[in-house]
Amino acid sequence: LDMDSIMANAKKEGRAEQSLFLLKKLLSDAVTSALSNARLAELTGL
């Protein structure tokens, strides 16, 4: 749910800062930190 909310905000804002913020949030979360770089790039737009 957190990721969905952050993604919605990042897409809405369309800013690189939002994508970087999202990436940092995902990397700090134990559940999502195991995602591959490709999947994280897909989720964040980076």
ModelCIF file with pLDDT and N, C-alpha, C, O atoms, coordinates in Angstrom:
data_MODEL
#
_entry.id   MODEL 
#
_entity.id                         1 
_entity.type                       polymer 
_entity.pdbx_number_of_molecules   1 
#
_entity_poly.entity_id                      1 
_entity_poly.type                           'polypeptide(L)' 
_entity_poly.nstd_linkage                   no 
_entity_poly.nstd_monomer                   no 
_entity_poly.pdbx_seq_one_letter_code       LDMDSIMANAKKEGRAEQSLFLLKKLLSDAVTSALSNARLAELTGL 
_entity_poly.pdbx_seq_one_letter_code_can   LDMDSIMANAKKEGRAEQSLFLLKKLLSDAVTSALSNARLAELTGL 
_entity_poly.pdbx_strand_id                 A 
#
loop_
_entity_poly_seq.entity_id 
_entity_poly_seq.num 
_entity_poly_seq.mon_id 
_entity_poly_seq.hetero 
1 1  LEU n 
1 2  ASP n 
1 3  MET n 
1 4  ASP n 
1 5  SER n 
1 6  ILE n 
1 7  MET n 
1 8  ALA n 
1 9  ASN n 
1 10 ALA n 
1 11 LYS n 
1 12 LYS n 
1 13 GLU n 
1 14 GLY n 
1 15 ARG n 
1 16 ALA n 
1 17 GLU n 
1 18 GLN n 
1 19 SER n 
1 20 LEU n 
1 21 PHE n 
1 22 LEU n 
1 23 LEU n 
1 24 LYS n 
1 25 LYS n 
1 26 LEU n 
1 27 LEU n 
1 28 SER n 
1 29 ASP n 
1 30 ALA n 
1 31 VAL n 
1 32 THR n 
1 33 SER n 
1 34 ALA n 
1 35 LEU n 
1 36 SER n 
1 37 ASN n 
1 38 ALA n 
1 39 ARG n 
1 40 LEU n 
1 41 ALA n 
1 42 GLU n 
1 43 LEU n 
1 44 THR n 
1 45 GLY n 
1 46 LEU n 
#
_struct_asym.id          A 
_struct_asym.entity_id   1 
#
loop_
_ma_qa_metric.id 
_ma_qa_metric.mode 
_ma_qa_metric.name 
_ma_qa_metric.software_group_id 
_ma_qa_metric.type 
1 global pLDDT . pLDDT 
2 local  pLDDT . pLDDT 
#
_ma_qa_metric_global.metric_id      1 
_ma_qa_metric_global.metric_value   77.70 
_ma_qa_metric_global.model_id       1 
_ma_qa_metric_global.ordinal_id     1 
#
loop_
_ma_qa_metric_local.label_asym_id 
_ma_qa_metric_local.label_comp_id 
_ma_qa_metric_local.label_seq_id 
_ma_qa_metric_local.metric_id 
_ma_qa_metric_local.metric_value 
_ma_qa_metric_local.model_id 
_ma_qa_metric_local.ordinal_id 
A LEU 1  2 88.00 1 1  
A ASP 2  2 86.00 1 2  
A MET 3  2 84.00 1 3  
A ASP 4  2 84.00 1 4  
A SER 5  2 85.00 1 5  
A ILE 6  2 81.00 1 6  
A MET 7  2 76.00 1 7  
A ALA 8  2 78.00 1 8  
A ASN 9  2 75.00 1 9  
A ALA 10 2 69.00 1 10 
A LYS 11 2 68.00 1 11 
A LYS 12 2 67.00 1 12 
A GLU 13 2 65.00 1 13 
A GLY 14 2 65.00 1 14 
A ARG 15 2 67.00 1 15 
A ALA 16 2 69.00 1 16 
A GLU 17 2 74.00 1 17 
A GLN 18 2 71.00 1 18 
A SER 19 2 75.00 1 19 
A LEU 20 2 77.00 1 20 
A PHE 21 2 79.00 1 21 
A LEU 22 2 77.00 1 22 
A LEU 23 2 80.00 1 23 
A LYS 24 2 82.00 1 24 
A LYS 25 2 80.00 1 25 
A LEU 26 2 79.00 1 26 
A LEU 27 2 79.00 1 27 
A SER 28 2 79.00 1 28 
A ASP 29 2 75.00 1 29 
A ALA 30 2 65.00 1 30 
A VAL 31 2 65.00 1 31 
A THR 32 2 70.00 1 32 
A SER 33 2 72.00 1 33 
A ALA 34 2 76.00 1 34 
A LEU 35 2 80.00 1 35 
A SER 36 2 86.00 1 36 
A ASN 37 2 88.00 1 37 
A ALA 38 2 89.00 1 38 
A ARG 39 2 85.00 1 39 
A LEU 40 2 85.00 1 40 
A ALA 41 2 86.00 1 41 
A GLU 42 2 85.00 1 42 
A LEU 43 2 81.00 1 43 
A THR 44 2 81.00 1 44 
A GLY 45 2 82.00 1 45 
A LEU 46 2 84.00 1 46 
#
loop_
_atom_site.group_PDB 
_atom_site.id 
_atom_site.type_symbol 
_atom_site.label_atom_id 
_atom_site.label_alt_id 
_atom_site.label_comp_id 
_atom_site.label_asym_id 
_atom_site.label_entity_id 
_atom_site.label_seq_id 
_atom_site.pdbx_PDB_ins_code 
_atom_site.Cartn_x 
_atom_site.Cartn_y 
_atom_site.Cartn_z 
_atom_site.occupancy 
_atom_site.B_iso_or_equiv 
_atom_site.pdbx_formal_charge 
_atom_site.auth_seq_id 
_atom_site.auth_comp_id 
_atom_site.auth_asym_id 
_atom_site.auth_atom_id 
_atom_site.pdbx_PDB_model_num 
ATOM 1   N N  . LEU A 1 1  ? 0.825  -1.207 0.000   1.00 88.00 ? 1  LEU A N  1 
ATOM 2   C CA . LEU A 1 1  ? 0.000  0.000  0.000   1.00 88.00 ? 1  LEU A CA 1 
ATOM 3   C C  . LEU A 1 1  ? 0.859  1.257  0.000   1.00 88.00 ? 1  LEU A C  1 
ATOM 4   O O  . LEU A 1 1  ? 0.549  2.225  -0.693  1.00 88.00 ? 1  LEU A O  1 
ATOM 5   N N  . ASP A 1 2  ? 1.940  1.243  0.778   1.00 86.00 ? 2  ASP A N  1 
ATOM 6   C CA . ASP A 1 2  ? 2.866  2.378  0.790   1.00 86.00 ? 2  ASP A CA 1 
ATOM 7   C C  . ASP A 1 2  ? 3.458  2.603  -0.598  1.00 86.00 ? 2  ASP A C  1 
ATOM 8   O O  . ASP A 1 2  ? 3.525  3.732  -1.083  1.00 86.00 ? 2  ASP A O  1 
ATOM 9   N N  . MET A 1 3  ? 3.883  1.515  -1.223  1.00 84.00 ? 3  MET A N  1 
ATOM 10  C CA . MET A 1 3  ? 4.488  1.613  -2.536  1.00 84.00 ? 3  MET A CA 1 
ATOM 11  C C  . MET A 1 3  ? 3.472  2.133  -3.554  1.00 84.00 ? 3  MET A C  1 
ATOM 12  O O  . MET A 1 3  ? 3.808  2.977  -4.384  1.00 84.00 ? 3  MET A O  1 
ATOM 13  N N  . ASP A 1 4  ? 2.248  1.643  -3.499  1.00 84.00 ? 4  ASP A N  1 
ATOM 14  C CA . ASP A 1 4  ? 1.209  2.128  -4.410  1.00 84.00 ? 4  ASP A CA 1 
ATOM 15  C C  . ASP A 1 4  ? 0.974  3.620  -4.231  1.00 84.00 ? 4  ASP A C  1 
ATOM 16  O O  . ASP A 1 4  ? 0.834  4.354  -5.209  1.00 84.00 ? 4  ASP A O  1 
ATOM 17  N N  . SER A 1 5  ? 0.931  4.067  -2.982  1.00 85.00 ? 5  SER A N  1 
ATOM 18  C CA . SER A 1 5  ? 0.716  5.485  -2.694  1.00 85.00 ? 5  SER A CA 1 
ATOM 19  C C  . SER A 1 5  ? 1.873  6.334  -3.202  1.00 85.00 ? 5  SER A C  1 
ATOM 20  O O  . SER A 1 5  ? 1.662  7.373  -3.827  1.00 85.00 ? 5  SER A O  1 
ATOM 21  N N  . ILE A 1 6  ? 3.077  5.896  -2.934  1.00 81.00 ? 6  ILE A N  1 
ATOM 22  C CA . ILE A 1 6  ? 4.261  6.641  -3.381  1.00 81.00 ? 6  ILE A CA 1 
ATOM 23  C C  . ILE A 1 6  ? 4.320  6.667  -4.900  1.00 81.00 ? 6  ILE A C  1 
ATOM 24  O O  . ILE A 1 6  ? 4.628  7.698  -5.498  1.00 81.00 ? 6  ILE A O  1 
ATOM 25  N N  . MET A 1 7  ? 4.024  5.531  -5.523  1.00 76.00 ? 7  MET A N  1 
ATOM 26  C CA . MET A 1 7  ? 4.035  5.471  -6.995  1.00 76.00 ? 7  MET A CA 1 
ATOM 27  C C  . MET A 1 7  ? 3.008  6.425  -7.592  1.00 76.00 ? 7  MET A C  1 
ATOM 28  O O  . MET A 1 7  ? 3.286  7.115  -8.573  1.00 76.00 ? 7  MET A O  1 
ATOM 29  N N  . ALA A 1 8  ? 1.822  6.461  -6.996  1.00 78.00 ? 8  ALA A N  1 
ATOM 30  C CA . ALA A 1 8  ? 0.781  7.356  -7.495  1.00 78.00 ? 8  ALA A CA 1 
ATOM 31  C C  . ALA A 1 8  ? 1.243  8.806  -7.400  1.00 78.00 ? 8  ALA A C  1 
ATOM 32  O O  . ALA A 1 8  ? 1.033  9.589  -8.326  1.00 78.00 ? 8  ALA A O  1 
ATOM 33  N N  . ASN A 1 9  ? 1.870  9.164  -6.283  1.00 75.00 ? 9  ASN A N  1 
ATOM 34  C CA . ASN A 1 9  ? 2.371  10.524 -6.122  1.00 75.00 ? 9  ASN A CA 1 
ATOM 35  C C  . ASN A 1 9  ? 3.511  10.822 -7.084  1.00 75.00 ? 9  ASN A C  1 
ATOM 36  O O  . ASN A 1 9  ? 3.571  11.906 -7.665  1.00 75.00 ? 9  ASN A O  1 
ATOM 37  N N  . ALA A 1 10 ? 4.422  9.853  -7.255  1.00 69.00 ? 10 ALA A N  1 
ATOM 38  C CA . ALA A 1 10 ? 5.552  10.057 -8.154  1.00 69.00 ? 10 ALA A CA 1 
ATOM 39  C C  . ALA A 1 10 ? 5.085  10.228 -9.593  1.00 69.00 ? 10 ALA A C  1 
ATOM 40  O O  . ALA A 1 10 ? 5.589  11.089 -10.314 1.00 69.00 ? 10 ALA A O  1 
ATOM 41  N N  . LYS A 1 11 ? 4.130  9.415  -10.010 1.00 68.00 ? 11 LYS A N  1 
ATOM 42  C CA . LYS A 1 11 ? 3.603  9.544  -11.374 1.00 68.00 ? 11 LYS A CA 1 
ATOM 43  C C  . LYS A 1 11 ? 2.886  10.862 -11.556 1.00 68.00 ? 11 LYS A C  1 
ATOM 44  O O  . LYS A 1 11 ? 3.004  11.509 -12.597 1.00 68.00 ? 11 LYS A O  1 
ATOM 45  N N  . LYS A 1 12 ? 2.141  11.259 -10.537 1.00 67.00 ? 12 LYS A N  1 
ATOM 46  C CA . LYS A 1 12 ? 1.393  12.509 -10.601 1.00 67.00 ? 12 LYS A CA 1 
ATOM 47  C C  . LYS A 1 12 ? 2.347  13.690 -10.718 1.00 67.00 ? 12 LYS A C  1 
ATOM 48  O O  . LYS A 1 12 ? 2.141  14.581 -11.543 1.00 67.00 ? 12 LYS A O  1 
ATOM 49  N N  . GLU A 1 13 ? 3.370  13.696 -9.910  1.00 65.00 ? 13 GLU A N  1 
ATOM 50  C CA . GLU A 1 13 ? 4.337  14.794 -9.913  1.00 65.00 ? 13 GLU A CA 1 
ATOM 51  C C  . GLU A 1 13 ? 5.261  14.719 -11.120 1.00 65.00 ? 13 GLU A C  1 
ATOM 52  O O  . GLU A 1 13 ? 5.639  15.741 -11.693 1.00 65.00 ? 13 GLU A O  1 
ATOM 53  N N  . GLY A 1 14 ? 5.622  13.494 -11.500 1.00 65.00 ? 14 GLY A N  1 
ATOM 54  C CA . GLY A 1 14 ? 6.485  13.317 -12.665 1.00 65.00 ? 14 GLY A CA 1 
ATOM 55  C C  . GLY A 1 14 ? 7.869  13.909 -12.487 1.00 65.00 ? 14 GLY A C  1 
ATOM 56  O O  . GLY A 1 14 ? 8.482  14.335 -13.466 1.00 65.00 ? 14 GLY A O  1 
ATOM 57  N N  . ARG A 1 15 ? 8.372  13.949 -11.281 1.00 67.00 ? 15 ARG A N  1 
ATOM 58  C CA . ARG A 1 15 ? 9.668  14.562 -11.021 1.00 67.00 ? 15 ARG A CA 1 
ATOM 59  C C  . ARG A 1 15 ? 10.718 13.510 -10.709 1.00 67.00 ? 15 ARG A C  1 
ATOM 60  O O  . ARG A 1 15 ? 10.408 12.446 -10.172 1.00 67.00 ? 15 ARG A O  1 
ATOM 61  N N  . ALA A 1 16 ? 11.951 13.814 -11.048 1.00 69.00 ? 16 ALA A N  1 
ATOM 62  C CA . ALA A 1 16 ? 13.068 12.916 -10.741 1.00 69.00 ? 16 ALA A CA 1 
ATOM 63  C C  . ALA A 1 16 ? 13.245 12.784 -9.235  1.00 69.00 ? 16 ALA A C  1 
ATOM 64  O O  . ALA A 1 16 ? 13.602 11.712 -8.746  1.00 69.00 ? 16 ALA A O  1 
ATOM 65  N N  . GLU A 1 17 ? 12.997 13.871 -8.488  1.00 74.00 ? 17 GLU A N  1 
ATOM 66  C CA . GLU A 1 17 ? 13.143 13.814 -7.035  1.00 74.00 ? 17 GLU A CA 1 
ATOM 67  C C  . GLU A 1 17 ? 12.173 12.802 -6.438  1.00 74.00 ? 17 GLU A C  1 
ATOM 68  O O  . GLU A 1 17 ? 12.522 12.065 -5.515  1.00 74.00 ? 17 GLU A O  1 
ATOM 69  N N  . GLN A 1 18 ? 10.963 12.770 -6.965  1.00 71.00 ? 18 GLN A N  1 
ATOM 70  C CA . GLN A 1 18 ? 9.968  11.820 -6.467  1.00 71.00 ? 18 GLN A CA 1 
ATOM 71  C C  . GLN A 1 18 ? 10.422 10.393 -6.763  1.00 71.00 ? 18 GLN A C  1 
ATOM 72  O O  . GLN A 1 18 ? 10.264 9.502  -5.929  1.00 71.00 ? 18 GLN A O  1 
ATOM 73  N N  . SER A 1 19 ? 10.980 10.181 -7.943  1.00 75.00 ? 19 SER A N  1 
ATOM 74  C CA . SER A 1 19 ? 11.452 8.844  -8.293  1.00 75.00 ? 19 SER A CA 1 
ATOM 75  C C  . SER A 1 19 ? 12.599 8.425  -7.397  1.00 75.00 ? 19 SER A C  1 
ATOM 76  O O  . SER A 1 19 ? 12.666 7.275  -6.963  1.00 75.00 ? 19 SER A O  1 
ATOM 77  N N  . LEU A 1 20 ? 13.503 9.354  -7.118  1.00 77.00 ? 20 LEU A N  1 
ATOM 78  C CA . LEU A 1 20 ? 14.615 9.051  -6.233  1.00 77.00 ? 20 LEU A CA 1 
ATOM 79  C C  . LEU A 1 20 ? 14.123 8.790  -4.817  1.00 77.00 ? 20 LEU A C  1 
ATOM 80  O O  . LEU A 1 20 ? 14.609 7.877  -4.150  1.00 77.00 ? 20 LEU A O  1 
ATOM 81  N N  . PHE A 1 21 ? 13.163 9.585  -4.353  1.00 79.00 ? 21 PHE A N  1 
ATOM 82  C CA . PHE A 1 21 ? 12.568 9.368  -3.039  1.00 79.00 ? 21 PHE A CA 1 
ATOM 83  C C  . PHE A 1 21 ? 11.943 7.982  -2.965  1.00 79.00 ? 21 PHE A C  1 
ATOM 84  O O  . PHE A 1 21 ? 12.120 7.260  -1.984  1.00 79.00 ? 21 PHE A O  1 
ATOM 85  N N  . LEU A 1 22 ? 11.219 7.622  -4.003  1.00 77.00 ? 22 LEU A N  1 
ATOM 86  C CA . LEU A 1 22 ? 10.588 6.305  -4.054  1.00 77.00 ? 22 LEU A CA 1 
ATOM 87  C C  . LEU A 1 22 ? 11.635 5.210  -4.001  1.00 77.00 ? 22 LEU A C  1 
ATOM 88  O O  . LEU A 1 22 ? 11.484 4.238  -3.260  1.00 77.00 ? 22 LEU A O  1 
ATOM 89  N N  . LEU A 1 23 ? 12.684 5.358  -4.775  1.00 80.00 ? 23 LEU A N  1 
ATOM 90  C CA . LEU A 1 23 ? 13.740 4.354  -4.783  1.00 80.00 ? 23 LEU A CA 1 
ATOM 91  C C  . LEU A 1 23 ? 14.344 4.199  -3.392  1.00 80.00 ? 23 LEU A C  1 
ATOM 92  O O  . LEU A 1 23 ? 14.555 3.076  -2.934  1.00 80.00 ? 23 LEU A O  1 
ATOM 93  N N  . LYS A 1 24 ? 14.625 5.305  -2.718  1.00 82.00 ? 24 LYS A N  1 
ATOM 94  C CA . LYS A 1 24 ? 15.197 5.241  -1.373  1.00 82.00 ? 24 LYS A CA 1 
ATOM 95  C C  . LYS A 1 24 ? 14.237 4.543  -0.417  1.00 82.00 ? 24 LYS A C  1 
ATOM 96  O O  . LYS A 1 24 ? 14.661 3.748  0.421   1.00 82.00 ? 24 LYS A O  1 
ATOM 97  N N  . LYS A 1 25 ? 12.959 4.835  -0.539  1.00 80.00 ? 25 LYS A N  1 
ATOM 98  C CA . LYS A 1 25 ? 11.950 4.193  0.307   1.00 80.00 ? 25 LYS A CA 1 
ATOM 99  C C  . LYS A 1 25 ? 11.929 2.683  0.046   1.00 80.00 ? 25 LYS A C  1 
ATOM 100 O O  . LYS A 1 25 ? 11.894 1.887  0.985   1.00 80.00 ? 25 LYS A O  1 
ATOM 101 N N  . LEU A 1 26 ? 11.950 2.298  -1.225  1.00 79.00 ? 26 LEU A N  1 
ATOM 102 C CA . LEU A 1 26 ? 11.912 0.880  -1.571  1.00 79.00 ? 26 LEU A CA 1 
ATOM 103 C C  . LEU A 1 26 ? 13.158 0.155  -1.072  1.00 79.00 ? 26 LEU A C  1 
ATOM 104 O O  . LEU A 1 26 ? 13.073 -0.972 -0.585  1.00 79.00 ? 26 LEU A O  1 
ATOM 105 N N  . LEU A 1 27 ? 14.319 0.807  -1.195  1.00 79.00 ? 27 LEU A N  1 
ATOM 106 C CA . LEU A 1 27 ? 15.557 0.172  -0.755  1.00 79.00 ? 27 LEU A CA 1 
ATOM 107 C C  . LEU A 1 27 ? 15.637 0.049  0.764   1.00 79.00 ? 27 LEU A C  1 
ATOM 108 O O  . LEU A 1 27 ? 16.316 -0.837 1.282   1.00 79.00 ? 27 LEU A O  1 
ATOM 109 N N  . SER A 1 28 ? 14.949 0.931  1.475   1.00 79.00 ? 28 SER A N  1 
ATOM 110 C CA . SER A 1 28 ? 14.991 0.876  2.938   1.00 79.00 ? 28 SER A CA 1 
ATOM 111 C C  . SER A 1 28 ? 13.995 -0.117 3.519   1.00 79.00 ? 28 SER A C  1 
ATOM 112 O O  . SER A 1 28 ? 14.081 -0.449 4.701   1.00 79.00 ? 28 SER A O  1 
ATOM 113 N N  . ASP A 1 29 ? 13.064 -0.592 2.725   1.00 75.00 ? 29 ASP A N  1 
ATOM 114 C CA . ASP A 1 29 ? 12.038 -1.510 3.198   1.00 75.00 ? 29 ASP A CA 1 
ATOM 115 C C  . ASP A 1 29 ? 12.529 -2.943 3.040   1.00 75.00 ? 29 ASP A C  1 
ATOM 116 O O  . ASP A 1 29 ? 12.962 -3.334 1.957   1.00 75.00 ? 29 ASP A O  1 
ATOM 117 N N  . ALA A 1 30 ? 12.464 -3.728 4.112   1.00 65.00 ? 30 ALA A N  1 
ATOM 118 C CA . ALA A 1 30 ? 12.960 -5.104 4.091   1.00 65.00 ? 30 ALA A CA 1 
ATOM 119 C C  . ALA A 1 30 ? 12.246 -5.966 3.057   1.00 65.00 ? 30 ALA A C  1 
ATOM 120 O O  . ALA A 1 30 ? 12.861 -6.845 2.453   1.00 65.00 ? 30 ALA A O  1 
ATOM 121 N N  . VAL A 1 31 ? 10.982 -5.727 2.853   1.00 65.00 ? 31 VAL A N  1 
ATOM 122 C CA . VAL A 1 31 ? 10.202 -6.552 1.932   1.00 65.00 ? 31 VAL A CA 1 
ATOM 123 C C  . VAL A 1 31 ? 10.581 -6.274 0.484   1.00 65.00 ? 31 VAL A C  1 
ATOM 124 O O  . VAL A 1 31 ? 10.644 -7.196 -0.329  1.00 65.00 ? 31 VAL A O  1 
ATOM 125 N N  . THR A 1 32 ? 10.836 -4.998 0.153   1.00 70.00 ? 32 THR A N  1 
ATOM 126 C CA . THR A 1 32 ? 11.084 -4.640 -1.242  1.00 70.00 ? 32 THR A CA 1 
ATOM 127 C C  . THR A 1 32 ? 12.562 -4.471 -1.577  1.00 70.00 ? 32 THR A C  1 
ATOM 128 O O  . THR A 1 32 ? 12.906 -4.297 -2.746  1.00 70.00 ? 32 THR A O  1 
ATOM 129 N N  . SER A 1 33 ? 13.448 -4.518 -0.574  1.00 72.00 ? 33 SER A N  1 
ATOM 130 C CA . SER A 1 33 ? 14.863 -4.304 -0.843  1.00 72.00 ? 33 SER A CA 1 
ATOM 131 C C  . SER A 1 33 ? 15.478 -5.416 -1.701  1.00 72.00 ? 33 SER A C  1 
ATOM 132 O O  . SER A 1 33 ? 16.537 -5.223 -2.298  1.00 72.00 ? 33 SER A O  1 
ATOM 133 N N  . ALA A 1 34 ? 14.834 -6.550 -1.764  1.00 76.00 ? 34 ALA A N  1 
ATOM 134 C CA . ALA A 1 34 ? 15.355 -7.668 -2.555  1.00 76.00 ? 34 ALA A CA 1 
ATOM 135 C C  . ALA A 1 34 ? 14.983 -7.576 -4.033  1.00 76.00 ? 34 ALA A C  1 
ATOM 136 O O  . ALA A 1 34 ? 15.378 -8.435 -4.821  1.00 76.00 ? 34 ALA A O  1 
ATOM 137 N N  . LEU A 1 35 ? 14.229 -6.549 -4.419  1.00 80.00 ? 35 LEU A N  1 
ATOM 138 C CA . LEU A 1 35 ? 13.850 -6.410 -5.822  1.00 80.00 ? 35 LEU A CA 1 
ATOM 139 C C  . LEU A 1 35 ? 15.086 -6.157 -6.678  1.00 80.00 ? 35 LEU A C  1 
ATOM 140 O O  . LEU A 1 35 ? 16.049 -5.542 -6.221  1.00 80.00 ? 35 LEU A O  1 
ATOM 141 N N  . SER A 1 36 ? 15.055 -6.626 -7.904  1.00 86.00 ? 36 SER A N  1 
ATOM 142 C CA . SER A 1 36 ? 16.184 -6.430 -8.812  1.00 86.00 ? 36 SER A CA 1 
ATOM 143 C C  . SER A 1 36 ? 16.269 -4.967 -9.238  1.00 86.00 ? 36 SER A C  1 
ATOM 144 O O  . SER A 1 36 ? 15.302 -4.214 -9.121  1.00 86.00 ? 36 SER A O  1 
ATOM 145 N N  . ASN A 1 37 ? 17.435 -4.583 -9.729  1.00 88.00 ? 37 ASN A N  1 
ATOM 146 C CA . ASN A 1 37 ? 17.608 -3.217 -10.234 1.00 88.00 ? 37 ASN A CA 1 
ATOM 147 C C  . ASN A 1 37 ? 16.646 -2.941 -11.388 1.00 88.00 ? 37 ASN A C  1 
ATOM 148 O O  . ASN A 1 37 ? 16.118 -1.836 -11.514 1.00 88.00 ? 37 ASN A O  1 
ATOM 149 N N  . ALA A 1 38 ? 16.425 -3.943 -12.220 1.00 89.00 ? 38 ALA A N  1 
ATOM 150 C CA . ALA A 1 38 ? 15.510 -3.761 -13.359 1.00 89.00 ? 38 ALA A CA 1 
ATOM 151 C C  . ALA A 1 38 ? 14.091 -3.488 -12.873 1.00 89.00 ? 38 ALA A C  1 
ATOM 152 O O  . ALA A 1 38 ? 13.412 -2.608 -13.402 1.00 89.00 ? 38 ALA A O  1 
ATOM 153 N N  . ARG A 1 39 ? 13.646 -4.232 -11.877 1.00 85.00 ? 39 ARG A N  1 
ATOM 154 C CA . ARG A 1 39 ? 12.284 -4.044 -11.353 1.00 85.00 ? 39 ARG A CA 1 
ATOM 155 C C  . ARG A 1 39 ? 12.160 -2.692 -10.661 1.00 85.00 ? 39 ARG A C  1 
ATOM 156 O O  . ARG A 1 39 ? 11.150 -2.006 -10.816 1.00 85.00 ? 39 ARG A O  1 
ATOM 157 N N  . LEU A 1 40 ? 13.181 -2.304 -9.897  1.00 85.00 ? 40 LEU A N  1 
ATOM 158 C CA . LEU A 1 40 ? 13.160 -0.995 -9.241  1.00 85.00 ? 40 LEU A CA 1 
ATOM 159 C C  . LEU A 1 40 ? 13.156 0.125  -10.270 1.00 85.00 ? 40 LEU A C  1 
ATOM 160 O O  . LEU A 1 40 ? 12.473 1.133  -10.089 1.00 85.00 ? 40 LEU A O  1 
ATOM 161 N N  . ALA A 1 41 ? 13.911 -0.044 -11.345 1.00 86.00 ? 41 ALA A N  1 
ATOM 162 C CA . ALA A 1 41 ? 13.917 0.963  -12.412 1.00 86.00 ? 41 ALA A CA 1 
ATOM 163 C C  . ALA A 1 41 ? 12.536 1.076  -13.038 1.00 86.00 ? 41 ALA A C  1 
ATOM 164 O O  . ALA A 1 41 ? 12.059 2.174  -13.324 1.00 86.00 ? 41 ALA A O  1 
ATOM 165 N N  . GLU A 1 42 ? 11.911 -0.052 -13.245 1.00 85.00 ? 42 GLU A N  1 
ATOM 166 C CA . GLU A 1 42 ? 10.557 -0.062 -13.808 1.00 85.00 ? 42 GLU A CA 1 
ATOM 167 C C  . GLU A 1 42 ? 9.566  0.643  -12.885 1.00 85.00 ? 42 GLU A C  1 
ATOM 168 O O  . GLU A 1 42 ? 8.723  1.411  -13.346 1.00 85.00 ? 42 GLU A O  1 
ATOM 169 N N  . LEU A 1 43 ? 9.668  0.382  -11.592 1.00 81.00 ? 43 LEU A N  1 
ATOM 170 C CA . LEU A 1 43 ? 8.737  0.973  -10.631 1.00 81.00 ? 43 LEU A CA 1 
ATOM 171 C C  . LEU A 1 43 ? 8.940  2.473  -10.451 1.00 81.00 ? 43 LEU A C  1 
ATOM 172 O O  . LEU A 1 43 ? 7.981  3.218  -10.250 1.00 81.00 ? 43 LEU A O  1 
ATOM 173 N N  . THR A 1 44 ? 10.190 2.909  -10.525 1.00 81.00 ? 44 THR A N  1 
ATOM 174 C CA . THR A 1 44 ? 10.488 4.309  -10.227 1.00 81.00 ? 44 THR A CA 1 
ATOM 175 C C  . THR A 1 44 ? 10.593 5.202  -11.455 1.00 81.00 ? 44 THR A C  1 
ATOM 176 O O  . THR A 1 44 ? 10.478 6.423  -11.348 1.00 81.00 ? 44 THR A O  1 
ATOM 177 N N  . GLY A 1 45 ? 10.808 4.607  -12.611 1.00 82.00 ? 45 GLY A N  1 
ATOM 178 C CA . GLY A 1 45 ? 11.006 5.413  -13.812 1.00 82.00 ? 45 GLY A CA 1 
ATOM 179 C C  . GLY A 1 45 ? 12.452 5.857  -13.980 1.00 82.00 ? 45 GLY A C  1 
ATOM 180 O O  . GLY A 1 45 ? 12.768 6.586  -14.920 1.00 82.00 ? 45 GLY A O  1 
ATOM 181 N N  . LEU A 1 46 ? 13.325 5.431  -13.089 1.00 84.00 ? 46 LEU A N  1 
ATOM 182 C CA . LEU A 1 46 ? 14.746 5.726  -13.201 1.00 84.00 ? 46 LEU A CA 1 
ATOM 183 C C  . LEU A 1 46 ? 15.400 4.691  -14.107 1.00 84.00 ? 46 LEU A C  1 
ATOM 184 O O  . LEU A 1 46 ? 16.606 4.751  -14.343 1.00 84.00 ? 46 LEU A O  1 
#
